[in-house]
Amino acid sequence: MAIEYDVVGVTLLSLYVSGCATLLGSAIGIPLGALIGLREFGGKGLIKTITYTMYGFPPVISGLVVYFLFSRAGPLGSFGILFTPTAMIIAETLLVIPLTTGITITSVSEVDKSIKDTVRALGATPRQSVLTVMREAWVGLVMAAMIGFGRCIAEVGAAYMVGGNIKGETVVLTTAIMTETRQGEFGYAIGLGVVLILVAMAVFLFLRLLQEKEML
């Protein structure tokens, strides 16, 4: 028998968790990627390789890390955030950071060298130089956020592990789809899947329009 969900509530929670994780992951990963991409230092190649390797960071490992940290026996268990949307956001943020970092590294590295040289020749401070290059790499930075959001909105393993799939509290579209599929309610699962695709499409459309506006 299918579980009755508040589809609007589940959809809004999915957007909230995925949106917050994308914003947090981008806020950390984009500046970090710009720093790595624009600075020369020993071990840079190794750091880039590790970052790109982390593109495939397993969601269940992210969930396991957060579960360990915030479980009752964990070092941060006193915060009491396990099986809440906050724990889900933290777990998904860990998945976004490598993606936004790596894509930003590539984007800022591909900015024309003449632009970088011109900015320096005009006496820009290091901070001004970085901001100028990031503006030139804007399309790539938006793409980083788009890919990060895509990773989050489709996530199920980490969300289930640290959220607990509690009805009315931590059920998101992906975990609801998984639950209905396990119960053999394929029609309902497909319906939720359609909702998930439409929501993702709407967000990606907005980000694409934002990206193309900057290109004009």
N, C-alpha and C. Protein backbone atom coordinates (compact mmCIF):
# COMPACT_ATOMS: atom_id res chain seq x y z
N MET A 1 0.84 -1.20 0.00
CA MET A 1 0.00 0.00 0.00
C MET A 1 0.88 1.25 0.00
N ALA A 2 0.58 2.18 -0.87
CA ALA A 2 1.39 3.39 -0.98
C ALA A 2 1.25 4.25 0.28
N ILE A 3 2.33 4.87 0.67
CA ILE A 3 2.31 5.81 1.79
C ILE A 3 1.82 7.16 1.27
N GLU A 4 0.90 7.77 1.98
CA GLU A 4 0.40 9.07 1.57
C GLU A 4 1.38 10.17 2.00
N TYR A 5 1.90 10.89 1.04
CA TYR A 5 2.84 11.97 1.33
C TYR A 5 2.20 13.32 1.06
N ASP A 6 2.68 14.31 1.77
CA ASP A 6 2.39 15.70 1.42
C ASP A 6 3.39 16.06 0.33
N VAL A 7 2.97 15.85 -0.92
CA VAL A 7 3.91 15.99 -2.04
C VAL A 7 4.50 17.39 -2.10
N VAL A 8 3.68 18.39 -1.83
CA VAL A 8 4.20 19.76 -1.85
C VAL A 8 5.24 19.94 -0.76
N GLY A 9 4.95 19.44 0.45
CA GLY A 9 5.90 19.55 1.55
C GLY A 9 7.20 18.81 1.27
N VAL A 10 7.07 17.61 0.72
CA VAL A 10 8.25 16.80 0.38
C VAL A 10 9.08 17.50 -0.69
N THR A 11 8.39 18.08 -1.67
CA THR A 11 9.09 18.79 -2.75
C THR A 11 9.82 20.02 -2.21
N LEU A 12 9.14 20.77 -1.36
CA LEU A 12 9.77 21.97 -0.79
C LEU A 12 10.96 21.61 0.08
N LEU A 13 10.85 20.51 0.82
CA LEU A 13 11.98 20.07 1.65
C LEU A 13 13.15 19.65 0.76
N SER A 14 12.85 18.98 -0.34
CA SER A 14 13.90 18.58 -1.28
C SER A 14 14.64 19.81 -1.81
N LEU A 15 13.86 20.84 -2.18
CA LEU A 15 14.47 22.07 -2.67
C LEU A 15 15.27 22.76 -1.58
N TYR A 16 14.74 22.76 -0.37
CA TYR A 16 15.43 23.42 0.75
C TYR A 16 16.76 22.75 1.05
N VAL A 17 16.75 21.43 1.18
CA VAL A 17 17.98 20.70 1.50
C VAL A 17 18.99 20.84 0.36
N SER A 18 18.54 20.61 -0.86
CA SER A 18 19.45 20.67 -2.01
C SER A 18 19.95 22.09 -2.24
N GLY A 19 19.06 23.07 -2.09
CA GLY A 19 19.45 24.47 -2.28
C GLY A 19 20.46 24.93 -1.26
N CYS A 20 20.21 24.61 0.01
CA CYS A 20 21.14 25.02 1.07
C CYS A 20 22.50 24.34 0.89
N ALA A 21 22.48 23.05 0.56
CA ALA A 21 23.75 22.33 0.36
C ALA A 21 24.52 22.90 -0.82
N THR A 22 23.80 23.26 -1.89
CA THR A 22 24.45 23.84 -3.06
C THR A 22 25.06 25.21 -2.73
N LEU A 23 24.31 26.03 -2.01
CA LEU A 23 24.82 27.35 -1.63
C LEU A 23 26.04 27.23 -0.72
N LEU A 24 25.96 26.36 0.28
CA LEU A 24 27.08 26.19 1.20
C LEU A 24 28.30 25.60 0.47
N GLY A 25 28.05 24.56 -0.32
CA GLY A 25 29.15 23.93 -1.06
C GLY A 25 29.80 24.89 -2.04
N SER A 26 28.98 25.74 -2.67
CA SER A 26 29.53 26.73 -3.61
C SER A 26 30.28 27.82 -2.88
N ALA A 27 29.75 28.24 -1.72
CA ALA A 27 30.41 29.30 -0.94
C ALA A 27 31.79 28.86 -0.46
N ILE A 28 31.95 27.56 -0.27
CA ILE A 28 33.25 27.03 0.15
C ILE A 28 34.10 26.66 -1.07
N GLY A 29 33.49 25.93 -2.00
CA GLY A 29 34.24 25.37 -3.12
C GLY A 29 34.70 26.37 -4.15
N ILE A 30 33.87 27.39 -4.46
CA ILE A 30 34.26 28.35 -5.50
C ILE A 30 35.46 29.20 -5.07
N PRO A 31 35.45 29.81 -3.90
CA PRO A 31 36.65 30.55 -3.48
C PRO A 31 37.88 29.66 -3.35
N LEU A 32 37.66 28.43 -2.84
CA LEU A 32 38.79 27.50 -2.70
C LEU A 32 39.35 27.13 -4.06
N GLY A 33 38.46 26.88 -5.02
CA GLY A 33 38.92 26.54 -6.37
C GLY A 33 39.64 27.70 -7.04
N ALA A 34 39.14 28.93 -6.80
CA ALA A 34 39.81 30.11 -7.37
C ALA A 34 41.20 30.27 -6.77
N LEU A 35 41.32 30.04 -5.48
CA LEU A 35 42.62 30.15 -4.80
C LEU A 35 43.60 29.13 -5.36
N ILE A 36 43.15 27.90 -5.50
CA ILE A 36 44.02 26.84 -6.02
C ILE A 36 44.38 27.10 -7.48
N GLY A 37 43.37 27.52 -8.26
CA GLY A 37 43.60 27.70 -9.69
C GLY A 37 44.49 28.87 -10.04
N LEU A 38 44.49 29.92 -9.21
CA LEU A 38 45.22 31.13 -9.54
C LEU A 38 46.56 31.28 -8.82
N ARG A 39 46.82 30.42 -7.87
CA ARG A 39 48.08 30.48 -7.14
C ARG A 39 48.99 29.35 -7.57
N GLU A 40 50.29 29.62 -7.54
CA GLU A 40 51.28 28.59 -7.81
C GLU A 40 51.95 28.21 -6.50
N PHE A 41 51.95 26.93 -6.19
CA PHE A 41 52.56 26.46 -4.94
C PHE A 41 52.91 24.99 -5.08
N GLY A 42 53.80 24.53 -4.22
CA GLY A 42 54.21 23.14 -4.25
C GLY A 42 53.05 22.21 -3.92
N GLY A 43 52.93 21.14 -4.67
CA GLY A 43 51.87 20.17 -4.44
C GLY A 43 50.55 20.53 -5.09
N LYS A 44 50.54 21.57 -5.91
CA LYS A 44 49.29 21.99 -6.56
C LYS A 44 48.73 20.88 -7.44
N GLY A 45 49.59 20.21 -8.18
CA GLY A 45 49.13 19.14 -9.05
C GLY A 45 48.47 18.01 -8.26
N LEU A 46 49.06 17.68 -7.11
CA LEU A 46 48.50 16.62 -6.27
C LEU A 46 47.13 17.02 -5.73
N ILE A 47 47.01 18.26 -5.30
CA ILE A 47 45.73 18.75 -4.76
C ILE A 47 44.66 18.72 -5.84
N LYS A 48 45.03 19.12 -7.06
CA LYS A 48 44.06 19.10 -8.16
C LYS A 48 43.62 17.66 -8.45
N THR A 49 44.57 16.75 -8.43
CA THR A 49 44.24 15.34 -8.70
C THR A 49 43.30 14.79 -7.63
N ILE A 50 43.58 15.11 -6.38
CA ILE A 50 42.72 14.66 -5.28
C ILE A 50 41.32 15.26 -5.43
N THR A 51 41.27 16.54 -5.78
CA THR A 51 39.97 17.20 -5.94
C THR A 51 39.16 16.56 -7.04
N TYR A 52 39.78 16.30 -8.17
CA TYR A 52 39.06 15.68 -9.29
C TYR A 52 38.64 14.25 -8.94
N THR A 53 39.48 13.55 -8.20
CA THR A 53 39.14 12.19 -7.77
C THR A 53 37.90 12.19 -6.89
N MET A 54 37.77 13.26 -6.08
CA MET A 54 36.64 13.36 -5.15
C MET A 54 35.31 13.62 -5.86
N TYR A 55 35.35 13.83 -7.18
CA TYR A 55 34.09 13.94 -7.93
C TYR A 55 33.25 12.68 -7.70
N GLY A 56 33.95 11.57 -7.55
CA GLY A 56 33.26 10.29 -7.37
C GLY A 56 33.09 9.91 -5.91
N PHE A 57 33.18 10.88 -5.00
CA PHE A 57 33.04 10.61 -3.57
C PHE A 57 31.70 9.94 -3.30
N PRO A 58 31.70 8.71 -2.76
CA PRO A 58 30.44 7.97 -2.56
C PRO A 58 29.54 8.66 -1.56
N PRO A 59 28.28 8.88 -1.91
CA PRO A 59 27.35 9.53 -0.98
C PRO A 59 27.21 8.81 0.35
N VAL A 60 27.27 7.47 0.32
CA VAL A 60 27.12 6.74 1.58
C VAL A 60 28.29 7.01 2.53
N ILE A 61 29.46 7.32 1.96
CA ILE A 61 30.60 7.66 2.81
C ILE A 61 30.38 9.02 3.45
N SER A 62 29.85 9.94 2.67
CA SER A 62 29.50 11.26 3.22
C SER A 62 28.50 11.10 4.35
N GLY A 63 27.48 10.27 4.10
CA GLY A 63 26.49 10.01 5.13
C GLY A 63 27.09 9.36 6.36
N LEU A 64 28.01 8.43 6.13
CA LEU A 64 28.66 7.74 7.24
C LEU A 64 29.47 8.70 8.11
N VAL A 65 30.19 9.62 7.46
CA VAL A 65 30.99 10.60 8.19
C VAL A 65 30.09 11.47 9.08
N VAL A 66 29.01 11.98 8.49
CA VAL A 66 28.08 12.83 9.25
C VAL A 66 27.40 12.04 10.35
N TYR A 67 27.03 10.80 10.05
CA TYR A 67 26.39 9.95 11.06
C TYR A 67 27.33 9.73 12.24
N PHE A 68 28.57 9.43 11.95
CA PHE A 68 29.54 9.20 13.02
C PHE A 68 29.74 10.45 13.87
N LEU A 69 29.87 11.60 13.22
CA LEU A 69 30.13 12.83 13.94
C LEU A 69 28.97 13.25 14.84
N PHE A 70 27.74 13.04 14.34
CA PHE A 70 26.58 13.58 15.05
C PHE A 70 25.71 12.53 15.75
N SER A 71 26.14 11.27 15.74
CA SER A 71 25.41 10.25 16.48
C SER A 71 25.61 10.50 17.97
N ARG A 72 24.82 9.84 18.80
CA ARG A 72 24.91 10.07 20.24
C ARG A 72 26.30 9.78 20.79
N ALA A 73 26.97 8.78 20.20
CA ALA A 73 28.31 8.42 20.66
C ALA A 73 29.41 9.22 19.94
N GLY A 74 29.02 10.05 18.98
CA GLY A 74 29.99 10.80 18.20
C GLY A 74 30.46 12.06 18.91
N PRO A 75 31.55 12.65 18.42
CA PRO A 75 32.11 13.84 19.06
C PRO A 75 31.20 15.05 19.03
N LEU A 76 30.27 15.11 18.10
CA LEU A 76 29.36 16.25 18.00
C LEU A 76 27.91 15.85 18.27
N GLY A 77 27.75 14.72 18.95
CA GLY A 77 26.42 14.21 19.22
C GLY A 77 25.56 15.12 20.06
N SER A 78 26.19 15.97 20.86
CA SER A 78 25.43 16.86 21.75
C SER A 78 24.60 17.88 20.97
N PHE A 79 24.93 18.10 19.69
CA PHE A 79 24.16 19.05 18.89
C PHE A 79 22.76 18.50 18.56
N GLY A 80 22.61 17.20 18.57
CA GLY A 80 21.31 16.60 18.35
C GLY A 80 20.70 16.86 16.98
N ILE A 81 21.51 16.88 15.94
CA ILE A 81 20.97 17.20 14.61
C ILE A 81 20.82 15.98 13.71
N LEU A 82 21.21 14.80 14.20
CA LEU A 82 21.04 13.61 13.38
C LEU A 82 19.56 13.36 13.15
N PHE A 83 19.22 12.89 11.96
CA PHE A 83 17.83 12.67 11.54
C PHE A 83 17.03 13.97 11.48
N THR A 84 17.71 15.01 11.02
CA THR A 84 17.06 16.30 10.77
C THR A 84 17.52 16.80 9.40
N PRO A 85 16.79 17.75 8.82
CA PRO A 85 17.23 18.33 7.54
C PRO A 85 18.64 18.92 7.62
N THR A 86 19.03 19.42 8.80
CA THR A 86 20.37 20.00 8.95
C THR A 86 21.45 18.97 8.67
N ALA A 87 21.28 17.76 9.20
CA ALA A 87 22.25 16.70 8.95
C ALA A 87 22.30 16.35 7.47
N MET A 88 21.16 16.36 6.82
CA MET A 88 21.10 16.07 5.38
C MET A 88 21.84 17.14 4.59
N ILE A 89 21.66 18.39 4.99
CA ILE A 89 22.35 19.49 4.32
C ILE A 89 23.86 19.35 4.45
N ILE A 90 24.33 19.02 5.65
CA ILE A 90 25.77 18.87 5.88
C ILE A 90 26.33 17.75 5.02
N ALA A 91 25.63 16.60 4.99
CA ALA A 91 26.10 15.46 4.20
C ALA A 91 26.16 15.80 2.72
N GLU A 92 25.16 16.50 2.22
CA GLU A 92 25.15 16.84 0.80
C GLU A 92 26.14 17.95 0.47
N THR A 93 26.40 18.82 1.43
CA THR A 93 27.42 19.86 1.22
C THR A 93 28.78 19.22 0.97
N LEU A 94 29.07 18.15 1.69
CA LEU A 94 30.34 17.44 1.49
C LEU A 94 30.47 16.89 0.08
N LEU A 95 29.34 16.61 -0.56
CA LEU A 95 29.36 16.11 -1.93
C LEU A 95 29.54 17.24 -2.94
N VAL A 96 29.06 18.42 -2.59
CA VAL A 96 29.11 19.56 -3.51
C VAL A 96 30.50 20.20 -3.56
N ILE A 97 31.15 20.27 -2.41
CA ILE A 97 32.43 20.99 -2.33
C ILE A 97 33.46 20.52 -3.35
N PRO A 98 33.73 19.20 -3.49
CA PRO A 98 34.73 18.80 -4.50
C PRO A 98 34.32 19.19 -5.92
N LEU A 99 33.03 19.11 -6.23
CA LEU A 99 32.58 19.45 -7.58
C LEU A 99 32.79 20.93 -7.88
N THR A 100 32.33 21.79 -6.98
CA THR A 100 32.46 23.23 -7.23
C THR A 100 33.93 23.66 -7.20
N THR A 101 34.71 23.03 -6.34
CA THR A 101 36.14 23.36 -6.27
C THR A 101 36.84 22.99 -7.58
N GLY A 102 36.63 21.76 -8.03
CA GLY A 102 37.30 21.29 -9.25
C GLY A 102 36.89 22.05 -10.49
N ILE A 103 35.60 22.31 -10.64
CA ILE A 103 35.13 23.03 -11.83
C ILE A 103 35.61 24.47 -11.80
N THR A 104 35.69 25.06 -10.62
CA THR A 104 36.22 26.43 -10.52
C THR A 104 37.70 26.47 -10.88
N ILE A 105 38.45 25.48 -10.42
CA ILE A 105 39.88 25.42 -10.77
C ILE A 105 40.03 25.43 -12.29
N THR A 106 39.26 24.60 -12.95
CA THR A 106 39.33 24.53 -14.41
C THR A 106 38.88 25.83 -15.06
N SER A 107 37.81 26.41 -14.55
CA SER A 107 37.25 27.63 -15.15
C SER A 107 38.20 28.81 -15.05
N VAL A 108 38.78 29.04 -13.88
CA VAL A 108 39.68 30.19 -13.72
C VAL A 108 41.00 29.96 -14.44
N SER A 109 41.40 28.69 -14.55
CA SER A 109 42.66 28.38 -15.25
C SER A 109 42.54 28.65 -16.74
N GLU A 110 41.31 28.56 -17.27
CA GLU A 110 41.10 28.72 -18.70
C GLU A 110 40.84 30.17 -19.11
N VAL A 111 40.77 31.08 -18.15
CA VAL A 111 40.64 32.50 -18.48
C VAL A 111 41.89 32.95 -19.23
N ASP A 112 41.70 33.70 -20.28
CA ASP A 112 42.82 34.13 -21.13
C ASP A 112 43.93 34.78 -20.30
N LYS A 113 45.14 34.32 -20.53
CA LYS A 113 46.28 34.82 -19.77
C LYS A 113 46.48 36.32 -19.96
N SER A 114 46.11 36.84 -21.13
CA SER A 114 46.28 38.26 -21.38
C SER A 114 45.42 39.10 -20.44
N ILE A 115 44.26 38.58 -20.07
CA ILE A 115 43.40 39.29 -19.12
C ILE A 115 44.05 39.35 -17.76
N LYS A 116 44.60 38.24 -17.34
CA LYS A 116 45.29 38.20 -16.04
C LYS A 116 46.48 39.15 -16.03
N ASP A 117 47.25 39.15 -17.13
CA ASP A 117 48.42 40.03 -17.21
C ASP A 117 48.02 41.50 -17.21
N THR A 118 46.93 41.81 -17.93
CA THR A 118 46.47 43.20 -17.99
C THR A 118 46.04 43.70 -16.63
N VAL A 119 45.33 42.87 -15.90
CA VAL A 119 44.86 43.25 -14.56
C VAL A 119 46.05 43.54 -13.65
N ARG A 120 47.07 42.69 -13.71
CA ARG A 120 48.25 42.91 -12.89
C ARG A 120 48.97 44.18 -13.31
N ALA A 121 49.07 44.41 -14.64
CA ALA A 121 49.78 45.58 -15.14
C ALA A 121 49.10 46.88 -14.72
N LEU A 122 47.81 46.83 -14.52
CA LEU A 122 47.06 48.02 -14.09
C LEU A 122 47.14 48.26 -12.59
N GLY A 123 47.90 47.42 -11.93
CA GLY A 123 48.14 47.63 -10.50
C GLY A 123 47.06 47.10 -9.58
N ALA A 124 46.29 46.15 -10.03
CA ALA A 124 45.23 45.59 -9.20
C ALA A 124 45.82 44.82 -8.03
N THR A 125 45.14 44.86 -6.91
CA THR A 125 45.56 44.08 -5.76
C THR A 125 45.26 42.61 -6.04
N PRO A 126 45.88 41.70 -5.28
CA PRO A 126 45.59 40.27 -5.48
C PRO A 126 44.10 39.97 -5.39
N ARG A 127 43.42 40.61 -4.45
CA ARG A 127 41.97 40.38 -4.30
C ARG A 127 41.22 40.86 -5.54
N GLN A 128 41.59 42.04 -6.05
CA GLN A 128 40.94 42.57 -7.25
C GLN A 128 41.21 41.68 -8.46
N SER A 129 42.42 41.16 -8.53
CA SER A 129 42.78 40.27 -9.65
C SER A 129 41.93 39.01 -9.63
N VAL A 130 41.79 38.43 -8.44
CA VAL A 130 40.99 37.21 -8.30
C VAL A 130 39.54 37.47 -8.68
N LEU A 131 38.97 38.57 -8.20
CA LEU A 131 37.58 38.90 -8.50
C LEU A 131 37.37 39.13 -9.99
N THR A 132 38.34 39.78 -10.63
CA THR A 132 38.24 40.03 -12.07
C THR A 132 38.24 38.72 -12.85
N VAL A 133 39.15 37.83 -12.49
CA VAL A 133 39.22 36.54 -13.17
C VAL A 133 37.94 35.74 -12.94
N MET A 134 37.42 35.81 -11.72
CA MET A 134 36.19 35.08 -11.41
C MET A 134 35.01 35.61 -12.22
N ARG A 135 34.99 36.92 -12.44
CA ARG A 135 33.93 37.49 -13.28
C ARG A 135 34.06 36.97 -14.71
N GLU A 136 35.28 36.86 -15.20
CA GLU A 136 35.49 36.34 -16.55
C GLU A 136 35.10 34.86 -16.64
N ALA A 137 35.22 34.16 -15.52
CA ALA A 137 34.92 32.73 -15.49
C ALA A 137 33.49 32.46 -15.01
N TRP A 138 32.64 33.50 -15.03
CA TRP A 138 31.31 33.40 -14.46
C TRP A 138 30.50 32.22 -15.00
N VAL A 139 30.58 31.97 -16.30
CA VAL A 139 29.80 30.89 -16.91
C VAL A 139 30.18 29.55 -16.27
N GLY A 140 31.47 29.35 -16.08
CA GLY A 140 31.93 28.12 -15.47
C GLY A 140 31.52 28.00 -14.01
N LEU A 141 31.47 29.13 -13.31
CA LEU A 141 31.09 29.11 -11.90
C LEU A 141 29.61 28.76 -11.74
N VAL A 142 28.78 29.28 -12.63
CA VAL A 142 27.36 28.92 -12.60
C VAL A 142 27.20 27.44 -12.93
N MET A 143 28.00 26.97 -13.87
CA MET A 143 27.96 25.55 -14.21
C MET A 143 28.34 24.70 -13.00
N ALA A 144 29.30 25.17 -12.22
CA ALA A 144 29.69 24.44 -11.01
C ALA A 144 28.51 24.31 -10.05
N ALA A 145 27.78 25.41 -9.88
CA ALA A 145 26.61 25.39 -9.00
C ALA A 145 25.53 24.47 -9.56
N MET A 146 25.34 24.48 -10.87
CA MET A 146 24.33 23.63 -11.51
C MET A 146 24.64 22.15 -11.28
N ILE A 147 25.89 21.79 -11.46
CA ILE A 147 26.28 20.40 -11.27
C ILE A 147 26.17 20.01 -9.80
N GLY A 148 26.53 20.94 -8.92
CA GLY A 148 26.40 20.67 -7.49
C GLY A 148 24.95 20.44 -7.11
N PHE A 149 24.05 21.27 -7.62
CA PHE A 149 22.63 21.11 -7.32
C PHE A 149 22.11 19.78 -7.87
N GLY A 150 22.56 19.43 -9.07
CA GLY A 150 22.14 18.17 -9.66
C GLY A 150 22.55 16.98 -8.81
N ARG A 151 23.75 17.07 -8.23
CA ARG A 151 24.22 15.99 -7.35
C ARG A 151 23.33 15.90 -6.11
N CYS A 152 22.92 17.04 -5.58
CA CYS A 152 22.12 17.07 -4.35
C CYS A 152 20.68 16.60 -4.58
N ILE A 153 20.03 17.14 -5.59
CA ILE A 153 18.62 16.85 -5.80
C ILE A 153 18.40 15.38 -6.13
N ALA A 154 19.43 14.72 -6.67
CA ALA A 154 19.31 13.31 -7.02
C ALA A 154 19.83 12.38 -5.93
N GLU A 155 20.32 12.94 -4.84
CA GLU A 155 20.95 12.16 -3.79
C GLU A 155 19.92 11.38 -2.97
N VAL A 156 20.25 10.15 -2.65
CA VAL A 156 19.36 9.34 -1.83
C VAL A 156 20.09 8.65 -0.68
N GLY A 157 21.29 8.11 -0.93
CA GLY A 157 22.00 7.33 0.09
C GLY A 157 22.30 8.11 1.36
N ALA A 158 22.99 9.25 1.20
CA ALA A 158 23.35 10.07 2.36
C ALA A 158 22.12 10.66 3.02
N ALA A 159 21.14 11.08 2.19
CA ALA A 159 19.92 11.68 2.74
C ALA A 159 19.16 10.67 3.59
N TYR A 160 19.12 9.45 3.14
CA TYR A 160 18.41 8.40 3.88
C TYR A 160 19.16 8.05 5.16
N MET A 161 20.48 7.96 5.08
CA MET A 161 21.28 7.54 6.23
C MET A 161 21.23 8.54 7.38
N VAL A 162 21.39 9.81 7.09
CA VAL A 162 21.44 10.81 8.17
C VAL A 162 20.11 11.50 8.42
N GLY A 163 19.15 11.32 7.48
CA GLY A 163 17.83 11.92 7.66
C GLY A 163 16.83 10.95 8.27
N GLY A 164 17.02 9.67 7.98
CA GLY A 164 16.15 8.66 8.55
C GLY A 164 14.83 8.48 7.82
N ASN A 165 14.55 9.31 6.80
CA ASN A 165 13.33 9.19 6.02
C ASN A 165 12.09 9.22 6.92
N ILE A 166 12.05 10.17 7.83
CA ILE A 166 10.96 10.29 8.79
C ILE A 166 9.82 11.09 8.15
N LYS A 167 8.65 10.48 8.08
CA LYS A 167 7.51 11.11 7.43
C LYS A 167 7.17 12.44 8.10
N GLY A 168 7.02 13.46 7.28
CA GLY A 168 6.68 14.78 7.78
C GLY A 168 7.86 15.58 8.29
N GLU A 169 9.06 14.97 8.30
CA GLU A 169 10.23 15.67 8.83
C GLU A 169 11.44 15.62 7.89
N THR A 170 11.80 14.42 7.42
CA THR A 170 13.02 14.31 6.62
C THR A 170 12.82 13.53 5.32
N VAL A 171 11.59 13.31 4.93
CA VAL A 171 11.34 12.63 3.66
C VAL A 171 11.52 13.62 2.51
N VAL A 172 12.39 13.28 1.57
CA VAL A 172 12.56 14.08 0.35
C VAL A 172 12.13 13.24 -0.83
N LEU A 173 12.08 13.82 -2.00
CA LEU A 173 11.55 13.11 -3.16
C LEU A 173 12.30 11.81 -3.45
N THR A 174 13.62 11.85 -3.37
CA THR A 174 14.39 10.65 -3.71
C THR A 174 14.16 9.52 -2.72
N THR A 175 14.10 9.84 -1.43
CA THR A 175 13.87 8.78 -0.44
C THR A 175 12.43 8.27 -0.52
N ALA A 176 11.50 9.14 -0.86
CA ALA A 176 10.11 8.70 -1.04
C ALA A 176 10.01 7.76 -2.23
N ILE A 177 10.70 8.08 -3.31
CA ILE A 177 10.70 7.22 -4.50
C ILE A 177 11.28 5.86 -4.15
N MET A 178 12.38 5.84 -3.40
CA MET A 178 13.01 4.58 -3.01
C MET A 178 12.05 3.74 -2.16
N THR A 179 11.38 4.38 -1.21
CA THR A 179 10.46 3.66 -0.33
C THR A 179 9.30 3.05 -1.11
N GLU A 180 8.70 3.83 -2.01
CA GLU A 180 7.56 3.34 -2.79
C GLU A 180 7.99 2.22 -3.73
N THR A 181 9.18 2.32 -4.29
CA THR A 181 9.68 1.27 -5.18
C THR A 181 9.86 -0.03 -4.41
N ARG A 182 10.41 0.05 -3.20
CA ARG A 182 10.60 -1.14 -2.37
C ARG A 182 9.28 -1.81 -2.03
N GLN A 183 8.22 -1.01 -1.91
CA GLN A 183 6.91 -1.55 -1.56
C GLN A 183 6.12 -2.00 -2.79
N GLY A 184 6.73 -1.86 -3.95
CA GLY A 184 6.07 -2.30 -5.17
C GLY A 184 5.07 -1.32 -5.72
N GLU A 185 5.05 -0.10 -5.19
CA GLU A 185 4.12 0.93 -5.67
C GLU A 185 4.79 1.72 -6.79
N PHE A 186 4.97 1.06 -7.92
CA PHE A 186 5.74 1.64 -9.01
C PHE A 186 5.05 2.86 -9.64
N GLY A 187 3.73 2.83 -9.71
CA GLY A 187 3.02 3.96 -10.29
C GLY A 187 3.23 5.23 -9.47
N TYR A 188 3.12 5.10 -8.16
CA TYR A 188 3.32 6.25 -7.28
C TYR A 188 4.78 6.72 -7.34
N ALA A 189 5.70 5.75 -7.38
CA ALA A 189 7.12 6.09 -7.47
C ALA A 189 7.42 6.85 -8.75
N ILE A 190 6.82 6.41 -9.84
CA ILE A 190 7.03 7.09 -11.12
C ILE A 190 6.47 8.51 -11.06
N GLY A 191 5.30 8.66 -10.43
CA GLY A 191 4.71 10.00 -10.29
C GLY A 191 5.63 10.94 -9.52
N LEU A 192 6.19 10.43 -8.43
CA LEU A 192 7.14 11.24 -7.65
C LEU A 192 8.39 11.54 -8.47
N GLY A 193 8.78 10.56 -9.30
CA GLY A 193 9.94 10.77 -10.16
C GLY A 193 9.71 11.88 -11.16
N VAL A 194 8.50 11.94 -11.70
CA VAL A 194 8.15 13.02 -12.63
C VAL A 194 8.23 14.37 -11.94
N VAL A 195 7.72 14.43 -10.71
CA VAL A 195 7.80 15.67 -9.93
C VAL A 195 9.26 16.07 -9.74
N LEU A 196 10.10 15.11 -9.39
CA LEU A 196 11.52 15.38 -9.18
C LEU A 196 12.17 15.94 -10.44
N ILE A 197 11.87 15.33 -11.58
CA ILE A 197 12.45 15.80 -12.84
C ILE A 197 11.99 17.21 -13.18
N LEU A 198 10.70 17.48 -12.96
CA LEU A 198 10.16 18.81 -13.27
C LEU A 198 10.77 19.87 -12.38
N VAL A 199 10.95 19.55 -11.10
CA VAL A 199 11.56 20.50 -10.16
C VAL A 199 13.00 20.78 -10.58
N ALA A 200 13.75 19.73 -10.87
CA ALA A 200 15.14 19.90 -11.30
C ALA A 200 15.21 20.71 -12.59
N MET A 201 14.29 20.44 -13.52
CA MET A 201 14.27 21.15 -14.80
C MET A 201 14.03 22.64 -14.58
N ALA A 202 13.12 22.97 -13.67
CA ALA A 202 12.81 24.38 -13.40
C ALA A 202 14.03 25.10 -12.83
N VAL A 203 14.72 24.46 -11.91
CA VAL A 203 15.91 25.07 -11.31
C VAL A 203 17.01 25.24 -12.35
N PHE A 204 17.23 24.20 -13.14
CA PHE A 204 18.29 24.27 -14.16
C PHE A 204 17.95 25.31 -15.23
N LEU A 205 16.68 25.47 -15.54
CA LEU A 205 16.27 26.49 -16.51
C LEU A 205 16.62 27.88 -15.97
N PHE A 206 16.32 28.11 -14.71
CA PHE A 206 16.64 29.40 -14.10
C PHE A 206 18.15 29.66 -14.13
N LEU A 207 18.93 28.66 -13.75
CA LEU A 207 20.39 28.83 -13.72
C LEU A 207 20.95 29.01 -15.13
N ARG A 208 20.37 28.30 -16.10
CA ARG A 208 20.84 28.45 -17.48
C ARG A 208 20.57 29.84 -18.01
N LEU A 209 19.38 30.36 -17.71
CA LEU A 209 19.03 31.72 -18.14
C LEU A 209 19.96 32.74 -17.49
N LEU A 210 20.28 32.50 -16.22
CA LEU A 210 21.22 33.38 -15.53
C LEU A 210 22.59 33.33 -16.19
N GLN A 211 23.00 32.15 -16.55
CA GLN A 211 24.29 31.95 -17.20
C GLN A 211 24.32 32.63 -18.55
N GLU A 212 23.28 32.45 -19.35
CA GLU A 212 23.25 33.03 -20.69
C GLU A 212 23.13 34.54 -20.66
N LYS A 213 22.44 35.07 -19.66
CA LYS A 213 22.32 36.52 -19.50
C LYS A 213 23.69 37.14 -19.32
N GLU A 214 24.53 36.47 -18.55
CA GLU A 214 25.88 36.99 -18.30
C GLU A 214 26.74 36.93 -19.56
N MET A 215 26.41 35.98 -20.45
CA MET A 215 27.20 35.81 -21.67
C MET A 215 26.89 36.88 -22.71
N LEU A 216 25.73 37.53 -22.59
CA LEU A 216 25.32 38.53 -23.60
C LEU A 216 26.19 39.78 -23.52
